[in-house]
Amino acid sequence: MFIFVQTTNKMNKRGFASDNNSGVSPSILKALENANEGHVTGYGTDIYTKKAIEIFKKFFGFNIDVYFVFNGTGANILGLSTLSQPFHSILCPATAHIMTDECGAPERFTGCKVIPIETPDGKLSPELIKPHLHGFGFEHHSQPGIISISQVTELGTLYQIDQIKEICQLAHQHGMYVHMDGARIANAVAALNVNVSDFTRDAGVDVLSFGGTKNGMMLGEAVVFFNRDLSENAKYLRKQSAQLFSKMRYIAAQFIAYLENDLWLENARHSNEMAQYLARKVQNLGVEITQKVEANGVFAILDPRISETLRNEYFFYDWDENKHEVRWMTSFDTKPEDIDGFCENLAILLHA
C-alpha cells in the first residue's frame, strides 16, 4: 500500500499521487448545477435516481438492483455485508483495498475475517485460492464465503475475462460469492475494449462496486447486484452504514452525465493513454517498471533521494519503501506537458 509523506509542492499542481487528486469533469459540474433547481423527493425516489438506474440496467440487464453510496469504502462495505454472515471469511489479494486501505471497515461492518492472499501482480487465481478453501462445515473455522477481486487491481493490472470466469466458477462450486471492487472499472473497460457486462455479470460476478470518483465525478459510487435476491437487505444495511444520501439526486445526476454519453470511457481512455506515455518516457530514462502498465498506474523503482526531491514538484506516493518502489497515477485531466515536465525534472536528478 502507498505511504503518506509530507510535501511542500503546490497542491493545485497536477501530480501523480492519485486519481482521487484530480478535479471534477466540467460536464459533471454542469449536471450538478442543472439538478440544483426546485424540489424533488429525497432518499432516491427522485427522477434523477430513477433515470440513472435505468442507464445501469441498459448496461447490465433489467434483473439487477442498484444502490448509490457516497464512496468506495461504503460501496465495498454494502456489497460485502449483503453477501456474508459474521462467521464467513473474505478471501482477497494481500494488496486489496479492503485489506490495506479501508481502516478495517469491511471487518468491522461485516464481522467477517478478511484473509489476504499474496500475489505477484495483485491478481488472484484458482491456484492461489484453492489452499484457502477448507474447513467447510467445521464450526471452529471461519467459513469461506466471499472472494473479492479488484478490476483494475491495486497494482494497475487487469484480469482477462476468462480469468474472472474461472474464479467465479470456483467460488460458486463451493457455495461462495464473488465481489468485485470496481473503483477503476472504467479504466478496465477502456483497456480491454469490451462491454462492462462481459467481465462482470456475464463472467459470474455476484456484486459489483462501480466507481466514479477516481474518473471525473465529485463523489458517488454504485453497488450493482446481479442477482436481486442478494440485495434483499441492502437498503437497511446502506442506512446503517451511513451511506444513504437524503439528496440522492446529486449522486444520480453525476452518474447520468458520466454514463449517458460515454464520458466515463472518454476519461478512462485518456488516463490510460497518459500512463502509457509516462511509462515510455521513464523507461527511456532507464527507470525500472515493476508491473505491467495496463490501465492508469505506473509502478517503478526509484532512489529514495530522487523521490524525495522530485515529489516536491510533482507529488506522488511511495508504494513499497523496502523495495524503493513508487506509484504514479494518471488521471482524466493529466496533460502530456505534465508528464514532460515531470520527466525533465527526473532526468536532471538521475544524472546529477
Protein backbone atom coordinates (compact mmCIF):
# COMPACT_ATOMS: atom_id res chain seq x y z
CA MET A 1 0.00 0.00 0.00
CA PHE A 2 1.17 3.56 -0.50
CA ILE A 3 2.99 5.54 2.15
CA PHE A 4 1.79 9.04 3.02
CA VAL A 5 4.51 11.68 3.21
CA GLN A 6 4.58 15.40 3.77
CA THR A 7 5.19 17.55 0.73
CA THR A 8 5.93 21.17 0.02
CA ASN A 9 4.63 21.24 -3.54
CA LYS A 10 1.75 23.44 -4.58
CA MET A 11 -1.39 21.39 -4.15
CA ASN A 12 -3.07 22.81 -7.26
CA LYS A 13 -0.31 21.45 -9.49
CA ARG A 14 -1.14 18.24 -11.31
CA GLY A 15 0.96 15.45 -9.87
CA PHE A 16 0.83 11.67 -9.97
CA ALA A 17 -0.19 10.70 -6.45
CA SER A 18 -3.72 9.53 -7.12
CA ASP A 19 -6.63 9.85 -9.50
CA ASN A 20 -8.51 10.97 -6.37
CA ASN A 21 -6.47 14.16 -6.50
CA SER A 22 -7.91 15.26 -9.83
CA GLY A 23 -10.79 17.68 -10.15
CA VAL A 24 -14.28 17.14 -11.49
CA SER A 25 -15.19 16.89 -15.16
CA PRO A 26 -16.84 20.14 -16.33
CA SER A 27 -19.87 18.25 -17.64
CA ILE A 28 -20.32 16.66 -14.22
CA LEU A 29 -20.29 20.08 -12.59
CA LYS A 30 -22.81 21.27 -15.17
CA ALA A 31 -25.05 18.30 -14.39
CA LEU A 32 -24.93 19.16 -10.70
CA GLU A 33 -25.85 22.76 -11.48
CA ASN A 34 -28.77 21.65 -13.64
CA ALA A 35 -30.00 19.29 -10.92
CA ASN A 36 -29.86 22.07 -8.36
CA GLU A 37 -33.26 23.53 -9.21
CA GLY A 38 -36.53 23.18 -7.44
CA HIS A 39 -37.58 20.47 -5.02
CA VAL A 40 -37.57 16.74 -5.62
CA THR A 41 -38.33 13.92 -3.23
CA GLY A 42 -35.42 12.55 -1.25
CA TYR A 43 -33.67 9.28 -0.49
CA GLY A 44 -33.61 8.05 -4.08
CA THR A 45 -37.25 8.46 -5.07
CA ASP A 46 -36.47 11.35 -7.43
CA ILE A 47 -36.47 11.39 -11.24
CA TYR A 48 -32.66 11.64 -11.45
CA THR A 49 -32.09 8.48 -9.46
CA LYS A 50 -34.67 6.58 -11.47
CA LYS A 51 -33.04 7.67 -14.73
CA ALA A 52 -29.55 6.76 -13.53
CA ILE A 53 -30.72 3.30 -12.53
CA GLU A 54 -32.31 2.88 -15.96
CA ILE A 55 -28.91 3.56 -17.55
CA PHE A 56 -27.29 0.89 -15.39
CA LYS A 57 -30.00 -1.55 -16.47
CA LYS A 58 -29.17 -0.83 -20.12
CA PHE A 59 -25.61 -1.91 -19.35
CA PHE A 60 -26.37 -4.97 -17.25
CA GLY A 61 -29.95 -6.05 -17.91
CA PHE A 62 -33.15 -5.39 -16.04
CA ASN A 63 -32.81 -8.10 -13.40
CA ILE A 64 -30.43 -6.06 -11.26
CA ASP A 65 -30.60 -3.74 -8.28
CA VAL A 66 -28.53 -0.57 -7.96
CA TYR A 67 -27.77 1.31 -4.75
CA PHE A 68 -25.89 4.61 -4.77
CA VAL A 69 -23.47 5.41 -1.95
CA PHE A 70 -21.01 8.17 -1.10
CA ASN A 71 -17.64 6.47 -1.60
CA GLY A 72 -15.71 3.35 -2.46
CA THR A 73 -15.33 2.08 1.09
CA GLY A 74 -19.07 2.43 1.55
CA ALA A 75 -19.71 0.56 -1.68
CA ASN A 76 -17.45 -2.30 -0.64
CA ILE A 77 -18.98 -2.47 2.83
CA LEU A 78 -22.50 -2.59 1.45
CA GLY A 79 -21.70 -5.20 -1.17
CA LEU A 80 -19.79 -7.45 1.22
CA SER A 81 -22.34 -7.08 4.02
CA THR A 82 -25.18 -8.31 1.86
CA LEU A 83 -23.25 -11.45 0.87
CA SER A 84 -22.00 -12.53 4.26
CA GLN A 85 -22.66 -13.66 7.78
CA PRO A 86 -20.19 -12.78 10.56
CA PHE A 87 -18.85 -16.34 10.61
CA HIS A 88 -17.72 -16.10 6.99
CA SER A 89 -14.27 -15.24 5.69
CA ILE A 90 -13.48 -12.98 2.74
CA LEU A 91 -10.57 -14.03 0.54
CA CYS A 92 -8.74 -11.25 -1.31
CA PRO A 93 -5.28 -10.30 -2.60
CA ALA A 94 -2.93 -9.00 0.09
CA THR A 95 -2.83 -5.70 -1.83
CA ALA A 96 -6.64 -5.34 -1.99
CA HIS A 97 -8.09 -2.02 -0.93
CA ILE A 98 -10.44 -3.79 1.50
CA MET A 99 -7.36 -5.25 3.18
CA THR A 100 -4.92 -2.35 3.24
CA ASP A 101 -6.72 0.97 2.89
CA GLU A 102 -10.15 0.84 4.50
CA CYS A 103 -9.11 1.00 8.15
CA GLY A 104 -10.63 -2.40 8.91
CA ALA A 105 -14.10 -1.20 7.89
CA PRO A 106 -15.04 -4.39 5.99
CA GLU A 107 -14.19 -6.49 9.04
CA ARG A 108 -15.97 -4.17 11.44
CA PHE A 109 -19.18 -3.88 9.43
CA THR A 110 -19.41 -7.47 8.21
CA GLY A 111 -17.88 -9.20 11.23
CA CYS A 112 -16.03 -11.40 8.75
CA LYS A 113 -12.40 -12.42 8.82
CA VAL A 114 -10.55 -10.96 5.83
CA ILE A 115 -7.87 -13.36 4.61
CA PRO A 116 -5.11 -11.81 2.45
CA ILE A 117 -3.50 -13.92 -0.25
CA GLU A 118 -0.07 -12.99 -1.55
CA THR A 119 0.08 -12.44 -5.31
CA PRO A 120 2.86 -11.28 -7.64
CA ASP A 121 0.65 -8.86 -9.55
CA GLY A 122 -2.41 -8.10 -7.45
CA LYS A 123 -4.46 -10.81 -9.16
CA LEU A 124 -5.99 -13.93 -7.63
CA SER A 125 -6.15 -17.22 -9.50
CA PRO A 126 -7.79 -20.58 -8.72
CA GLU A 127 -4.34 -21.95 -7.83
CA LEU A 128 -3.80 -19.22 -5.24
CA ILE A 129 -7.32 -19.52 -3.85
CA LYS A 130 -7.65 -23.30 -3.50
CA PRO A 131 -5.32 -23.71 -0.47
CA HIS A 132 -7.73 -21.49 1.47
CA LEU A 133 -10.86 -23.46 0.59
CA HIS A 134 -11.06 -25.72 3.60
CA GLY A 135 -12.94 -26.04 6.86
CA PHE A 136 -16.39 -26.04 5.23
CA GLY A 137 -18.95 -27.21 7.77
CA PHE A 138 -16.37 -27.19 10.60
CA GLU A 139 -17.69 -24.95 13.34
CA HIS A 140 -14.24 -23.99 14.64
CA HIS A 141 -13.22 -22.50 11.30
CA SER A 142 -14.37 -19.29 9.61
CA GLN A 143 -16.43 -20.41 6.67
CA PRO A 144 -15.05 -19.29 3.28
CA GLY A 145 -17.87 -17.16 1.94
CA ILE A 146 -16.65 -14.48 -0.46
CA ILE A 147 -13.85 -13.97 -2.95
CA SER A 148 -13.17 -10.28 -3.53
CA ILE A 149 -11.19 -9.11 -6.56
CA SER A 150 -10.39 -5.65 -7.89
CA GLN A 151 -10.67 -4.64 -11.53
CA VAL A 152 -8.36 -2.69 -12.14
CA THR A 153 -6.17 -4.20 -9.38
CA GLU A 154 -4.34 -2.06 -6.88
CA LEU A 155 -1.14 -2.80 -8.79
CA GLY A 156 -2.58 -1.43 -12.02
CA THR A 157 -3.02 -4.84 -13.63
CA LEU A 158 -6.07 -6.32 -15.34
CA TYR A 159 -7.96 -9.57 -15.12
CA GLN A 160 -8.87 -11.03 -18.50
CA ILE A 161 -12.46 -12.21 -18.91
CA ASP A 162 -11.55 -15.91 -18.73
CA GLN A 163 -9.58 -15.35 -15.53
CA ILE A 164 -12.63 -13.85 -13.83
CA LYS A 165 -14.85 -16.64 -15.11
CA GLU A 166 -12.51 -19.25 -13.61
CA ILE A 167 -12.59 -17.52 -10.22
CA CYS A 168 -16.36 -17.23 -10.29
CA GLN A 169 -16.81 -20.86 -11.27
CA LEU A 170 -14.54 -21.97 -8.42
CA ALA A 171 -16.40 -19.79 -5.93
CA HIS A 172 -19.84 -20.97 -6.98
CA GLN A 173 -18.74 -24.61 -6.89
CA HIS A 174 -18.07 -24.08 -3.19
CA GLY A 175 -21.24 -22.10 -2.49
CA MET A 176 -19.33 -18.81 -2.30
CA TYR A 177 -19.97 -15.40 -3.82
CA VAL A 178 -17.69 -13.10 -5.83
CA HIS A 179 -17.44 -9.39 -5.10
CA MET A 180 -15.65 -7.04 -7.48
CA ASP A 181 -14.16 -3.74 -6.35
CA GLY A 182 -14.55 -1.65 -9.49
CA ALA A 183 -13.19 1.66 -8.23
CA ARG A 184 -11.39 1.97 -11.58
CA ILE A 185 -13.78 -0.12 -13.64
CA ALA A 186 -13.91 2.47 -16.44
CA ASN A 187 -10.15 2.11 -16.93
CA ALA A 188 -10.62 -1.65 -17.23
CA VAL A 189 -13.38 -1.34 -19.84
CA ALA A 190 -11.31 1.14 -21.84
CA ALA A 191 -8.18 -1.00 -21.70
CA LEU A 192 -9.87 -4.32 -22.50
CA ASN A 193 -12.14 -2.73 -25.13
CA VAL A 194 -15.11 -4.88 -24.13
CA ASN A 195 -18.57 -4.30 -22.71
CA VAL A 196 -18.62 -3.80 -18.96
CA SER A 197 -21.03 -6.72 -18.58
CA ASP A 198 -18.54 -9.10 -20.23
CA PHE A 199 -16.24 -9.34 -17.21
CA THR A 200 -18.84 -8.67 -14.51
CA ARG A 201 -22.35 -10.07 -14.83
CA ASP A 202 -21.64 -12.43 -17.74
CA ALA A 203 -18.46 -13.73 -16.09
CA GLY A 204 -20.33 -14.69 -12.92
CA VAL A 205 -19.62 -11.78 -10.55
CA ASP A 206 -22.36 -11.50 -7.93
CA VAL A 207 -21.93 -7.93 -6.66
CA LEU A 208 -20.01 -5.02 -8.17
CA SER A 209 -18.76 -1.78 -6.65
CA PHE A 210 -18.95 0.56 -9.65
CA GLY A 211 -16.67 3.54 -9.19
CA GLY A 212 -16.89 7.10 -10.48
CA THR A 213 -14.93 9.30 -8.10
CA LYS A 214 -11.50 8.38 -9.47
CA ASN A 215 -12.56 9.19 -13.03
CA GLY A 216 -14.13 12.62 -13.00
CA MET A 217 -17.05 12.52 -10.59
CA MET A 218 -17.16 14.64 -7.43
CA LEU A 219 -18.45 11.85 -5.22
CA GLY A 220 -20.56 8.76 -5.51
CA GLU A 221 -20.26 5.07 -6.32
CA ALA A 222 -22.86 2.45 -7.19
CA VAL A 223 -23.36 -1.05 -5.82
CA VAL A 224 -24.78 -3.33 -8.50
CA PHE A 225 -26.42 -6.62 -7.56
CA PHE A 226 -26.63 -9.03 -10.48
CA ASN A 227 -28.90 -11.35 -8.51
CA ARG A 228 -31.72 -9.34 -6.98
CA ASP A 229 -32.22 -11.95 -4.27
CA LEU A 230 -28.87 -10.89 -2.84
CA SER A 231 -30.00 -7.30 -2.31
CA GLU A 232 -32.92 -8.17 -0.04
CA ASN A 233 -31.41 -6.33 2.95
CA ALA A 234 -29.30 -3.80 1.06
CA LYS A 235 -31.50 -0.80 1.82
CA TYR A 236 -31.28 -1.42 5.55
CA LEU A 237 -27.54 -2.03 5.51
CA ARG A 238 -26.98 1.10 3.45
CA LYS A 239 -28.83 3.17 6.05
CA GLN A 240 -26.99 1.55 8.97
CA SER A 241 -23.61 2.22 7.37
CA ALA A 242 -24.42 5.94 6.91
CA GLN A 243 -24.34 5.65 3.11
CA LEU A 244 -27.93 6.71 2.38
CA PHE A 245 -27.84 10.22 0.93
CA SER A 246 -31.06 12.17 1.50
CA LYS A 247 -30.35 14.39 -1.53
CA MET A 248 -29.66 11.43 -3.79
CA ARG A 249 -30.23 13.44 -6.95
CA TYR A 250 -26.73 14.89 -6.64
CA ILE A 251 -25.12 11.46 -6.95
CA ALA A 252 -27.57 10.27 -9.60
CA ALA A 253 -27.24 13.38 -11.77
CA GLN A 254 -23.49 12.83 -11.89
CA PHE A 255 -23.92 9.22 -13.00
CA ILE A 256 -26.30 10.31 -15.76
CA ALA A 257 -23.74 12.76 -17.15
CA TYR A 258 -20.94 10.26 -16.55
CA LEU A 259 -22.53 7.32 -18.36
CA GLU A 260 -25.07 8.64 -20.83
CA ASN A 261 -22.66 9.96 -23.47
CA ASP A 262 -19.66 7.72 -22.62
CA LEU A 263 -17.81 10.37 -20.63
CA TRP A 264 -16.65 7.58 -18.32
CA LEU A 265 -14.87 5.82 -21.20
CA GLU A 266 -13.51 9.03 -22.70
CA ASN A 267 -11.96 9.97 -19.36
CA ALA A 268 -10.60 6.47 -18.77
CA ARG A 269 -9.08 6.14 -22.22
CA HIS A 270 -7.25 9.41 -21.71
CA SER A 271 -5.86 8.47 -18.30
CA ASN A 272 -4.77 5.07 -19.64
CA GLU A 273 -3.03 6.71 -22.59
CA MET A 274 -1.25 9.12 -20.27
CA ALA A 275 0.02 6.18 -18.18
CA GLN A 276 1.44 4.57 -21.31
CA TYR A 277 3.07 7.85 -22.28
CA LEU A 278 4.55 8.23 -18.80
CA ALA A 279 5.81 4.64 -18.82
CA ARG A 280 7.59 5.09 -22.15
CA LYS A 281 9.21 8.32 -21.03
CA VAL A 282 10.59 6.97 -17.75
CA GLN A 283 11.74 3.73 -19.35
CA ASN A 284 13.71 5.78 -21.86
CA LEU A 285 15.42 7.34 -18.85
CA GLY A 286 16.41 3.89 -17.58
CA VAL A 287 13.83 3.64 -14.79
CA GLU A 288 12.72 0.08 -13.94
CA ILE A 289 8.95 -0.51 -14.09
CA THR A 290 7.79 -3.32 -11.81
CA GLN A 291 4.28 -4.12 -13.09
CA LYS A 292 2.59 -4.27 -16.46
CA VAL A 293 1.15 -0.87 -17.30
CA GLU A 294 -2.37 -1.94 -18.27
CA ALA A 295 -4.52 0.92 -17.02
CA ASN A 296 -3.60 4.25 -15.41
CA GLY A 297 -0.97 3.22 -12.88
CA VAL A 298 2.81 3.05 -13.24
CA PHE A 299 4.90 1.30 -10.55
CA ALA A 300 8.64 1.85 -10.63
CA ILE A 301 11.87 1.58 -8.65
CA LEU A 302 13.40 4.93 -7.75
CA ASP A 303 16.22 6.00 -5.45
CA PRO A 304 14.57 7.50 -2.30
CA ARG A 305 16.78 10.60 -2.51
CA ILE A 306 15.47 11.28 -6.00
CA SER A 307 11.88 10.56 -4.93
CA GLU A 308 12.12 13.00 -2.04
CA THR A 309 13.28 15.84 -4.27
CA LEU A 310 11.04 15.04 -7.22
CA ARG A 311 7.84 14.88 -5.22
CA ASN A 312 8.31 18.47 -4.06
CA GLU A 313 7.39 19.50 -7.61
CA TYR A 314 5.17 16.58 -8.70
CA PHE A 315 3.57 14.87 -5.73
CA PHE A 316 3.35 11.06 -5.67
CA TYR A 317 3.41 8.26 -3.12
CA ASP A 318 5.88 5.60 -2.14
CA TRP A 319 4.33 2.17 -2.59
CA ASP A 320 6.85 -0.18 -1.00
CA GLU A 321 9.64 1.58 0.86
CA ASN A 322 11.59 -1.66 1.35
CA LYS A 323 11.93 -2.05 -2.43
CA HIS A 324 12.15 1.69 -3.16
CA GLU A 325 9.01 1.22 -5.23
CA VAL A 326 6.85 4.24 -6.08
CA ARG A 327 3.42 4.58 -7.65
CA TRP A 328 2.50 7.12 -10.30
CA MET A 329 -1.18 7.51 -11.19
CA THR A 330 -2.51 9.42 -14.18
CA SER A 331 -5.95 11.00 -14.31
CA PHE A 332 -8.58 12.11 -16.78
CA ASP A 333 -7.12 15.63 -16.60
CA THR A 334 -3.43 14.68 -16.85
CA LYS A 335 -1.79 16.50 -19.74
CA PRO A 336 1.25 15.48 -21.80
CA GLU A 337 3.03 18.60 -20.64
CA ASP A 338 2.60 17.45 -17.01
CA ILE A 339 4.46 14.27 -17.90
CA ASP A 340 7.07 16.12 -19.95
CA GLY A 341 7.84 18.45 -17.06
CA PHE A 342 7.96 15.57 -14.61
CA CYS A 343 10.39 13.61 -16.80
CA GLU A 344 12.59 16.64 -17.39
CA ASN A 345 12.97 17.01 -13.64
CA LEU A 346 13.52 13.28 -13.25
CA ALA A 347 16.22 13.25 -15.95
CA ILE A 348 18.14 16.03 -14.22
CA LEU A 349 18.03 14.20 -10.89
CA LEU A 350 19.03 10.87 -12.41
CA HIS A 351 22.13 12.39 -13.99
CA ALA A 352 23.08 14.71 -11.16
